[in-house]
Amino acid sequence: MDTTIDEKEIKKMFAKQKRKVSEIAGEIHDIVEDTIWVDYVKLPALSEQIQDAMSEVVKMREQYEFLQ
């Protein structure tokens, strides 16, 4: 199946959004593993950021069947 340029762009945007979620999750992981006693105050903001980023991933999956 030959994907159109539009599909390629959407897949690129989707991958970027998924990477953003992973990066935020990585920050949370690093805090929990290494600096929880100092940086725990960052967790609520990071949690909100990951929820926002993940909601975009979910919306894209719902909107574009080829992302399933």
N, C-alpha and C. Protein backbone atom coordinates (compact mmCIF):
# COMPACT_ATOMS: atom_id res chain seq x y z
N MET A 1 0.84 -1.18 0.00
CA MET A 1 0.00 0.00 0.00
C MET A 1 0.89 1.24 0.00
N ASP A 2 0.65 2.10 -0.93
CA ASP A 2 1.42 3.34 -1.04
C ASP A 2 0.70 4.43 -0.24
N THR A 3 1.39 4.94 0.76
CA THR A 3 0.76 5.97 1.58
C THR A 3 0.90 7.32 0.91
N THR A 4 -0.09 8.13 1.06
CA THR A 4 -0.06 9.47 0.47
C THR A 4 0.83 10.37 1.31
N ILE A 5 1.17 11.51 0.75
CA ILE A 5 1.99 12.47 1.48
C ILE A 5 1.27 12.91 2.75
N ASP A 6 -0.04 13.07 2.65
CA ASP A 6 -0.80 13.46 3.84
C ASP A 6 -0.68 12.43 4.95
N GLU A 7 -0.80 11.15 4.59
CA GLU A 7 -0.67 10.10 5.60
C GLU A 7 0.72 10.10 6.19
N LYS A 8 1.72 10.30 5.36
CA LYS A 8 3.10 10.34 5.85
C LYS A 8 3.29 11.49 6.83
N GLU A 9 2.73 12.64 6.52
CA GLU A 9 2.84 13.80 7.43
C GLU A 9 2.13 13.54 8.74
N ILE A 10 0.95 12.95 8.66
CA ILE A 10 0.19 12.63 9.86
C ILE A 10 0.95 11.62 10.71
N LYS A 11 1.51 10.60 10.06
CA LYS A 11 2.30 9.60 10.80
C LYS A 11 3.52 10.24 11.44
N LYS A 12 4.12 11.20 10.77
CA LYS A 12 5.27 11.92 11.32
C LYS A 12 4.85 12.73 12.55
N MET A 13 3.72 13.42 12.45
CA MET A 13 3.21 14.21 13.59
C MET A 13 2.85 13.27 14.75
N PHE A 14 2.28 12.13 14.42
CA PHE A 14 1.89 11.14 15.44
C PHE A 14 3.13 10.63 16.17
N ALA A 15 4.16 10.30 15.42
CA ALA A 15 5.40 9.82 16.03
C ALA A 15 6.01 10.89 16.93
N LYS A 16 5.95 12.13 16.49
CA LYS A 16 6.48 13.25 17.29
C LYS A 16 5.71 13.37 18.60
N GLN A 17 4.40 13.23 18.53
CA GLN A 17 3.57 13.33 19.73
C GLN A 17 3.84 12.17 20.68
N LYS A 18 4.00 10.97 20.13
CA LYS A 18 4.31 9.81 20.97
C LYS A 18 5.68 9.99 21.63
N ARG A 19 6.62 10.54 20.89
CA ARG A 19 7.95 10.78 21.44
C ARG A 19 7.87 11.78 22.60
N LYS A 20 7.00 12.79 22.46
CA LYS A 20 6.81 13.78 23.52
C LYS A 20 6.30 13.10 24.79
N VAL A 21 5.34 12.19 24.64
CA VAL A 21 4.81 11.45 25.79
C VAL A 21 5.94 10.65 26.45
N SER A 22 6.73 9.98 25.64
CA SER A 22 7.82 9.17 26.16
C SER A 22 8.87 10.01 26.88
N GLU A 23 9.15 11.18 26.36
CA GLU A 23 10.13 12.06 27.00
C GLU A 23 9.65 12.53 28.37
N ILE A 24 8.39 12.89 28.45
CA ILE A 24 7.83 13.32 29.74
C ILE A 24 7.84 12.14 30.72
N ALA A 25 7.46 10.97 30.22
CA ALA A 25 7.48 9.78 31.08
C ALA A 25 8.90 9.50 31.56
N GLY A 26 9.87 9.74 30.70
CA GLY A 26 11.27 9.57 31.09
C GLY A 26 11.68 10.52 32.19
N GLU A 27 11.20 11.76 32.10
CA GLU A 27 11.49 12.73 33.16
C GLU A 27 10.92 12.25 34.49
N ILE A 28 9.68 11.77 34.44
CA ILE A 28 9.04 11.26 35.65
C ILE A 28 9.84 10.07 36.20
N HIS A 29 10.23 9.19 35.33
CA HIS A 29 11.01 8.02 35.74
C HIS A 29 12.31 8.45 36.41
N ASP A 30 13.00 9.40 35.80
CA ASP A 30 14.27 9.86 36.38
C ASP A 30 14.08 10.47 37.77
N ILE A 31 13.02 11.23 37.93
CA ILE A 31 12.75 11.80 39.25
C ILE A 31 12.49 10.69 40.26
N VAL A 32 11.65 9.74 39.89
CA VAL A 32 11.31 8.65 40.82
C VAL A 32 12.55 7.82 41.15
N GLU A 33 13.37 7.57 40.16
CA GLU A 33 14.57 6.75 40.38
C GLU A 33 15.66 7.47 41.16
N ASP A 34 15.85 8.77 40.88
CA ASP A 34 17.06 9.43 41.36
C ASP A 34 16.85 10.60 42.32
N THR A 35 15.82 11.40 42.10
CA THR A 35 15.75 12.67 42.84
C THR A 35 14.41 12.92 43.50
N ILE A 36 13.69 11.86 43.82
CA ILE A 36 12.33 12.00 44.36
C ILE A 36 12.29 12.91 45.58
N TRP A 37 13.29 12.86 46.43
CA TRP A 37 13.26 13.62 47.67
C TRP A 37 13.42 15.11 47.45
N VAL A 38 13.96 15.48 46.30
CA VAL A 38 14.17 16.90 46.00
C VAL A 38 13.17 17.40 44.96
N ASP A 39 12.93 16.58 43.95
CA ASP A 39 12.15 17.04 42.79
C ASP A 39 10.70 16.56 42.77
N TYR A 40 10.22 16.00 43.87
CA TYR A 40 8.84 15.52 43.89
C TYR A 40 7.83 16.60 43.55
N VAL A 41 8.19 17.86 43.79
CA VAL A 41 7.26 18.97 43.51
C VAL A 41 7.02 19.15 42.02
N LYS A 42 7.88 18.59 41.18
CA LYS A 42 7.72 18.68 39.73
C LYS A 42 6.69 17.68 39.19
N LEU A 43 6.38 16.66 39.97
CA LEU A 43 5.54 15.57 39.49
C LEU A 43 4.12 16.00 39.09
N PRO A 44 3.43 16.85 39.85
CA PRO A 44 2.08 17.24 39.41
C PRO A 44 2.07 17.92 38.04
N ALA A 45 3.01 18.82 37.79
CA ALA A 45 3.06 19.50 36.49
C ALA A 45 3.39 18.51 35.37
N LEU A 46 4.33 17.62 35.63
CA LEU A 46 4.69 16.62 34.63
C LEU A 46 3.52 15.68 34.36
N SER A 47 2.79 15.34 35.39
CA SER A 47 1.61 14.49 35.24
C SER A 47 0.58 15.17 34.33
N GLU A 48 0.37 16.43 34.54
CA GLU A 48 -0.57 17.18 33.70
C GLU A 48 -0.08 17.23 32.25
N GLN A 49 1.22 17.44 32.08
CA GLN A 49 1.78 17.49 30.73
C GLN A 49 1.61 16.15 30.01
N ILE A 50 1.83 15.07 30.72
CA ILE A 50 1.70 13.76 30.08
C ILE A 50 0.24 13.46 29.74
N GLN A 51 -0.67 13.90 30.58
CA GLN A 51 -2.10 13.71 30.28
C GLN A 51 -2.49 14.49 29.03
N ASP A 52 -2.03 15.73 28.92
CA ASP A 52 -2.33 16.54 27.74
C ASP A 52 -1.74 15.92 26.48
N ALA A 53 -0.48 15.52 26.56
CA ALA A 53 0.19 14.93 25.40
C ALA A 53 -0.46 13.61 25.00
N MET A 54 -0.81 12.81 25.98
CA MET A 54 -1.43 11.52 25.69
C MET A 54 -2.83 11.69 25.10
N SER A 55 -3.55 12.71 25.54
CA SER A 55 -4.88 12.94 24.97
C SER A 55 -4.78 13.27 23.48
N GLU A 56 -3.70 13.93 23.07
CA GLU A 56 -3.48 14.20 21.65
C GLU A 56 -3.23 12.91 20.88
N VAL A 57 -2.47 12.00 21.48
CA VAL A 57 -2.22 10.70 20.85
C VAL A 57 -3.54 9.95 20.66
N VAL A 58 -4.35 9.94 21.69
CA VAL A 58 -5.63 9.24 21.62
C VAL A 58 -6.54 9.87 20.57
N LYS A 59 -6.60 11.20 20.52
CA LYS A 59 -7.41 11.88 19.51
C LYS A 59 -6.97 11.53 18.10
N MET A 60 -5.67 11.51 17.89
CA MET A 60 -5.16 11.19 16.56
C MET A 60 -5.52 9.76 16.18
N ARG A 61 -5.40 8.82 17.13
CA ARG A 61 -5.77 7.43 16.84
C ARG A 61 -7.25 7.32 16.49
N GLU A 62 -8.08 8.08 17.18
CA GLU A 62 -9.51 8.05 16.90
C GLU A 62 -9.83 8.68 15.55
N GLN A 63 -9.09 9.71 15.19
CA GLN A 63 -9.36 10.46 13.96
C GLN A 63 -8.84 9.74 12.72
N TYR A 64 -7.71 9.07 12.84
CA TYR A 64 -7.06 8.46 11.67
C TYR A 64 -6.96 6.95 11.88
N GLU A 65 -7.78 6.23 11.14
CA GLU A 65 -7.85 4.77 11.28
C GLU A 65 -6.50 4.11 11.01
N PHE A 66 -5.71 4.66 10.11
CA PHE A 66 -4.43 4.04 9.76
C PHE A 66 -3.39 4.13 10.87
N LEU A 67 -3.68 4.83 11.96
CA LEU A 67 -2.76 4.91 13.09
C LEU A 67 -3.01 3.80 14.11
N GLN A 68 -4.01 3.01 13.90
CA GLN A 68 -4.34 1.92 14.83
C GLN A 68 -3.30 0.89 14.72
